[in-house]
Amino acid sequence: MKRLALSAALLLLLSACASTSDLEETRRQIDQVNRQASTRLTEVESKLSNEKLLEMVNQVDSLKAEVAKLRGDVEVLNYNLQTTQKRQNDLYADLDGRLGHLENAGRDNAAAQSQPGAASGPAAADTQASPDYDKALNLLRSRDFPRAVDALQLFIKQNPASPQAVDAMYWLGVAHTAQRQYDAAIDIHRRFAEQYPDNAKAPDALRNVANCQRDLGQADIAKATLKRLIKLYPSSSAAQKAREQLTKM
């Protein structure tokens, strides 16, 4: 009995020692896993932080590039606006000058008509502008271009044989140009120059064609038109302006 009791006690002691050793090993492994997990978590957090920082830097760079592009676009728009305004002012100045010459010519004709022995009849009547034509020109003077287009078209339709119908065709092209209706203006001024090559306004009609082509972005075609103008009418004021334009294109 004593031997049996001793054996049981020894077995219990060995079992207790084995459990304690396993427990300590388990704790050690748990601590090691915790340390590894903590280290890995720190690495992940650091990586995520760096990635977010890099993403923010990329976003800032992207915003800076976009702002720079917008500034460039604004500068281009400002330049185009200034250029367009200058061209519009030049067109108005040319319009005023030509209408002024027309008025002076009309007064001179009226004075000549009032002189004794002045011509009368159909030939004299041809030098007098009709009320409808005067109305159309007054609309041009007041910059009412849409109504001027309608009035000029109506006058040409109703008075195709009138001497003023030819001039009305030219002014119709000018009215379309003032509204930036470049395709219509090109068509009208081109036909004017082809049908009436000896008309005093033919050189200006070609120059107007070139200007419309330029404003449409057709620089090479505009240059060709200006060169044709210079070749056909080398001594005209329009040709002189065309030479100046070519040096800037």
Protein backbone atom coordinates (compact mmCIF):
# COMPACT_ATOMS: atom_id res chain seq x y z
CA MET A 1 0.00 0.00 0.00
CA LYS A 2 2.82 2.33 0.87
CA ARG A 3 4.44 1.62 -2.48
CA LEU A 4 1.17 2.29 -4.34
CA ALA A 5 0.62 5.57 -2.54
CA LEU A 6 4.16 6.68 -3.26
CA SER A 7 3.79 5.86 -6.92
CA ALA A 8 0.56 7.85 -7.15
CA ALA A 9 2.16 10.85 -5.47
CA LEU A 10 5.15 10.72 -7.81
CA LEU A 11 2.85 10.50 -10.88
CA LEU A 12 0.81 13.48 -9.66
CA LEU A 13 3.99 15.50 -9.11
CA LEU A 14 5.25 14.71 -12.62
CA SER A 15 1.87 15.61 -14.09
CA ALA A 16 1.89 18.94 -12.27
CA CYS A 17 5.37 19.76 -13.46
CA ALA A 18 4.47 18.93 -17.04
CA SER A 19 1.38 21.19 -16.95
CA THR A 20 3.33 24.11 -15.54
CA SER A 21 6.01 23.77 -18.20
CA ASP A 22 3.42 23.65 -21.00
CA LEU A 23 1.66 26.66 -19.58
CA GLU A 24 4.84 28.69 -19.48
CA GLU A 25 5.66 27.71 -23.06
CA THR A 26 2.19 28.67 -24.18
CA ARG A 27 2.49 32.04 -22.46
CA ARG A 28 5.85 32.60 -24.08
CA GLN A 29 4.41 31.82 -27.51
CA ILE A 30 1.47 34.13 -26.88
CA ASP A 31 3.79 36.97 -25.88
CA GLN A 32 5.85 36.40 -29.01
CA VAL A 33 2.75 36.43 -31.20
CA ASN A 34 1.57 39.63 -29.51
CA ARG A 35 4.93 41.30 -30.12
CA GLN A 36 4.91 40.22 -33.77
CA ALA A 37 1.32 41.41 -34.21
CA SER A 38 2.14 44.74 -32.59
CA THR A 39 5.17 45.18 -34.82
CA ARG A 40 3.16 44.27 -37.94
CA LEU A 41 0.36 46.61 -36.94
CA THR A 42 2.83 49.43 -36.51
CA GLU A 43 4.27 48.71 -39.93
CA VAL A 44 0.81 48.65 -41.52
CA GLU A 45 -0.18 51.91 -39.84
CA SER A 46 3.06 53.53 -40.98
CA LYS A 47 2.52 52.29 -44.54
CA LEU A 48 -1.06 53.51 -44.59
CA SER A 49 0.05 56.88 -43.26
CA ASN A 50 2.72 57.20 -45.95
CA GLU A 51 0.24 56.18 -48.66
CA LYS A 52 -2.29 58.77 -47.49
CA LEU A 53 0.42 61.40 -47.38
CA LEU A 54 1.53 60.48 -50.89
CA GLU A 55 -2.06 60.57 -52.09
CA MET A 56 -2.53 64.03 -50.59
CA VAL A 57 0.70 65.26 -52.22
CA ASN A 58 -0.50 63.90 -55.59
CA GLN A 59 -3.85 65.61 -55.15
CA VAL A 60 -2.16 68.92 -54.36
CA ASP A 61 0.08 68.59 -57.43
CA SER A 62 -2.97 67.79 -59.55
CA LEU A 63 -4.82 70.83 -58.22
CA LYS A 64 -1.80 73.05 -58.90
CA ALA A 65 -1.63 71.78 -62.49
CA GLU A 66 -5.35 72.38 -62.95
CA VAL A 67 -5.08 75.91 -61.56
CA ALA A 68 -2.15 76.64 -63.87
CA LYS A 69 -4.16 75.37 -66.84
CA LEU A 70 -7.16 77.49 -65.87
CA ARG A 71 -4.94 80.55 -65.59
CA GLY A 72 -3.57 79.83 -69.03
CA ASP A 73 -7.09 79.42 -70.41
CA VAL A 74 -8.12 82.73 -68.85
CA GLU A 75 -5.13 84.49 -70.41
CA VAL A 76 -5.98 83.04 -73.81
CA LEU A 77 -9.63 84.09 -73.43
CA ASN A 78 -8.59 87.60 -72.42
CA TYR A 79 -6.29 87.84 -75.42
CA ASN A 80 -8.99 86.56 -77.77
CA LEU A 81 -11.50 88.97 -76.27
CA GLN A 82 -9.15 91.92 -76.69
CA THR A 83 -8.36 90.86 -80.25
CA THR A 84 -12.03 90.44 -81.09
CA GLN A 85 -12.89 93.82 -79.58
CA LYS A 86 -10.11 95.49 -81.56
CA ARG A 87 -11.27 93.88 -84.79
CA GLN A 88 -14.85 94.89 -84.03
CA ASN A 89 -13.74 98.46 -83.37
CA ASP A 90 -11.76 98.45 -86.62
CA LEU A 91 -14.85 97.23 -88.45
CA TYR A 92 -16.98 99.97 -86.91
CA ALA A 93 -14.37 102.61 -87.77
CA ASP A 94 -14.23 101.38 -91.35
CA LEU A 95 -18.02 101.33 -91.48
CA ASP A 96 -18.28 104.89 -90.17
CA GLY A 97 -15.62 106.09 -92.60
CA ARG A 98 -17.28 104.53 -95.61
CA LEU A 99 -20.73 105.75 -94.64
CA GLY A 100 -19.23 109.20 -94.16
CA HIS A 101 -17.77 109.13 -97.67
CA LEU A 102 -21.15 107.98 -98.95
CA GLU A 103 -22.88 110.89 -97.24
CA ASN A 104 -20.36 113.37 -98.64
CA ALA A 105 -20.85 111.96 -102.12
CA GLY A 106 -24.59 112.24 -101.70
CA ARG A 107 -24.35 115.91 -100.67
CA ASP A 108 -22.04 116.65 -103.60
CA ASN A 109 -24.48 115.00 -105.99
CA ALA A 110 -27.37 116.93 -104.49
CA ALA A 111 -25.47 120.21 -104.88
CA ALA A 112 -24.63 119.39 -108.48
CA GLN A 113 -28.27 118.53 -109.18
CA SER A 114 -29.35 121.93 -107.88
CA GLN A 115 -27.09 123.83 -110.30
CA PRO A 116 -28.66 125.37 -113.41
CA GLY A 117 -28.40 123.02 -116.35
CA ALA A 118 -27.97 119.96 -114.16
CA ALA A 119 -29.06 116.66 -115.68
CA SER A 120 -32.58 115.45 -115.02
CA GLY A 121 -34.62 112.41 -115.75
CA PRO A 122 -33.64 108.74 -115.17
CA ALA A 123 -29.90 109.37 -115.29
CA ALA A 124 -30.13 111.98 -112.56
CA ALA A 125 -32.51 109.87 -110.52
CA ASP A 126 -29.94 107.04 -110.45
CA THR A 127 -27.60 109.21 -108.35
CA GLN A 128 -30.25 109.69 -105.68
CA ALA A 129 -30.56 107.06 -102.97
CA SER A 130 -34.04 105.73 -102.41
CA PRO A 131 -35.74 106.15 -99.01
CA ASP A 132 -35.58 102.38 -98.46
CA TYR A 133 -31.83 102.36 -99.12
CA ASP A 134 -31.33 105.31 -96.78
CA LYS A 135 -33.32 103.47 -94.13
CA ALA A 136 -31.05 100.43 -94.44
CA LEU A 137 -27.92 102.57 -94.16
CA ASN A 138 -29.32 104.36 -91.11
CA LEU A 139 -29.79 100.99 -89.45
CA LEU A 140 -26.14 100.27 -90.16
CA ARG A 141 -25.11 103.59 -88.63
CA SER A 142 -27.07 102.82 -85.47
CA ARG A 143 -25.44 99.36 -85.24
CA ASP A 144 -28.83 97.65 -85.61
CA PHE A 145 -27.29 94.95 -87.78
CA PRO A 146 -30.10 92.33 -87.70
CA ARG A 147 -32.64 94.85 -88.98
CA ALA A 148 -30.08 96.27 -91.41
CA VAL A 149 -29.67 92.79 -92.92
CA ASP A 150 -33.42 92.49 -93.40
CA ALA A 151 -33.71 95.98 -94.89
CA LEU A 152 -30.80 95.47 -97.30
CA GLN A 153 -32.07 92.07 -98.43
CA LEU A 154 -35.53 93.52 -99.03
CA PHE A 155 -34.11 96.48 -100.97
CA ILE A 156 -32.01 94.22 -103.21
CA LYS A 157 -34.99 91.95 -103.84
CA GLN A 158 -37.33 94.80 -104.72
CA ASN A 159 -34.78 96.89 -106.65
CA PRO A 160 -32.43 94.46 -108.45
CA ALA A 161 -31.72 96.92 -111.28
CA SER A 162 -31.05 99.90 -109.02
CA PRO A 163 -27.47 101.23 -108.88
CA GLN A 164 -27.76 101.14 -105.09
CA ALA A 165 -28.47 97.39 -105.19
CA VAL A 166 -24.79 96.75 -105.89
CA ASP A 167 -23.68 98.84 -102.91
CA ALA A 168 -26.43 97.27 -100.82
CA MET A 169 -24.88 93.88 -101.53
CA TYR A 170 -21.56 95.09 -100.15
CA TRP A 171 -23.17 96.56 -97.03
CA LEU A 172 -25.11 93.35 -96.54
CA GLY A 173 -21.80 91.50 -96.25
CA VAL A 174 -20.57 94.08 -93.75
CA ALA A 175 -23.71 93.66 -91.64
CA HIS A 176 -23.21 89.89 -91.53
CA THR A 177 -19.55 90.39 -90.57
CA ALA A 178 -20.53 92.66 -87.69
CA GLN A 179 -22.71 89.85 -86.35
CA ARG A 180 -19.85 87.35 -86.80
CA GLN A 181 -21.87 85.48 -89.39
CA TYR A 182 -18.65 84.86 -91.26
CA ASP A 183 -19.79 82.18 -93.70
CA ALA A 184 -22.60 84.39 -95.01
CA ALA A 185 -20.27 87.41 -95.19
CA ILE A 186 -17.62 85.44 -97.12
CA ASP A 187 -20.18 84.23 -99.64
CA ILE A 188 -21.61 87.72 -100.24
CA HIS A 189 -18.28 89.57 -100.46
CA ARG A 190 -16.73 86.90 -102.67
CA ARG A 191 -19.65 87.11 -105.12
CA PHE A 192 -19.47 90.90 -104.98
CA ALA A 193 -15.76 90.90 -105.94
CA GLU A 194 -16.36 88.38 -108.73
CA GLN A 195 -19.43 90.07 -110.20
CA TYR A 196 -18.21 93.66 -109.86
CA PRO A 197 -14.39 93.56 -110.12
CA ASP A 198 -14.25 97.21 -111.28
CA ASN A 199 -16.33 98.50 -108.38
CA ALA A 200 -14.44 100.75 -105.97
CA LYS A 201 -15.47 98.49 -103.10
CA ALA A 202 -14.16 95.27 -104.72
CA PRO A 203 -10.72 95.46 -103.01
CA ASP A 204 -12.38 95.98 -99.62
CA ALA A 205 -14.75 93.12 -100.31
CA LEU A 206 -11.76 90.80 -100.81
CA ARG A 207 -10.14 92.09 -97.66
CA ASN A 208 -13.36 91.47 -95.76
CA VAL A 209 -13.33 87.90 -97.10
CA ALA A 210 -9.78 87.44 -95.80
CA ASN A 211 -10.67 88.88 -92.39
CA CYS A 212 -13.62 86.52 -92.03
CA GLN A 213 -11.44 83.57 -93.04
CA ARG A 214 -8.88 84.64 -90.44
CA ASP A 215 -11.53 84.85 -87.72
CA LEU A 216 -12.71 81.37 -88.67
CA GLY A 217 -9.18 80.09 -88.05
CA GLN A 218 -8.42 79.63 -91.75
CA ALA A 219 -5.10 81.48 -91.65
CA ASP A 220 -3.57 79.94 -94.78
CA ILE A 221 -6.70 80.60 -96.86
CA ALA A 222 -6.84 84.18 -95.53
CA LYS A 223 -3.22 84.75 -96.56
CA ALA A 224 -3.99 83.47 -100.07
CA THR A 225 -6.95 85.87 -100.32
CA LEU A 226 -4.83 88.83 -99.20
CA LYS A 227 -2.14 87.97 -101.76
CA ARG A 228 -4.81 87.77 -104.46
CA LEU A 229 -6.11 91.18 -103.38
CA ILE A 230 -2.62 92.70 -103.62
CA LYS A 231 -2.12 91.15 -107.05
CA LEU A 232 -5.46 92.39 -108.44
CA TYR A 233 -5.52 95.84 -106.82
CA PRO A 234 -1.90 96.70 -105.93
CA SER A 235 -2.51 100.46 -105.62
CA SER A 236 -5.64 100.30 -103.48
CA SER A 237 -5.75 101.25 -99.81
CA ALA A 238 -7.10 97.74 -99.13
CA ALA A 239 -3.94 96.28 -100.68
CA GLN A 240 -1.78 98.44 -98.40
CA LYS A 241 -3.68 97.18 -95.37
CA ALA A 242 -3.37 93.63 -96.70
CA ARG A 243 0.43 93.98 -96.87
CA GLU A 244 0.47 95.12 -93.24
CA GLN A 245 -1.71 92.21 -92.22
CA LEU A 246 0.49 89.66 -93.96
CA THR A 247 3.53 90.79 -91.96
CA LYS A 248 1.61 90.00 -88.75
CA MET A 249 0.18 86.64 -89.77
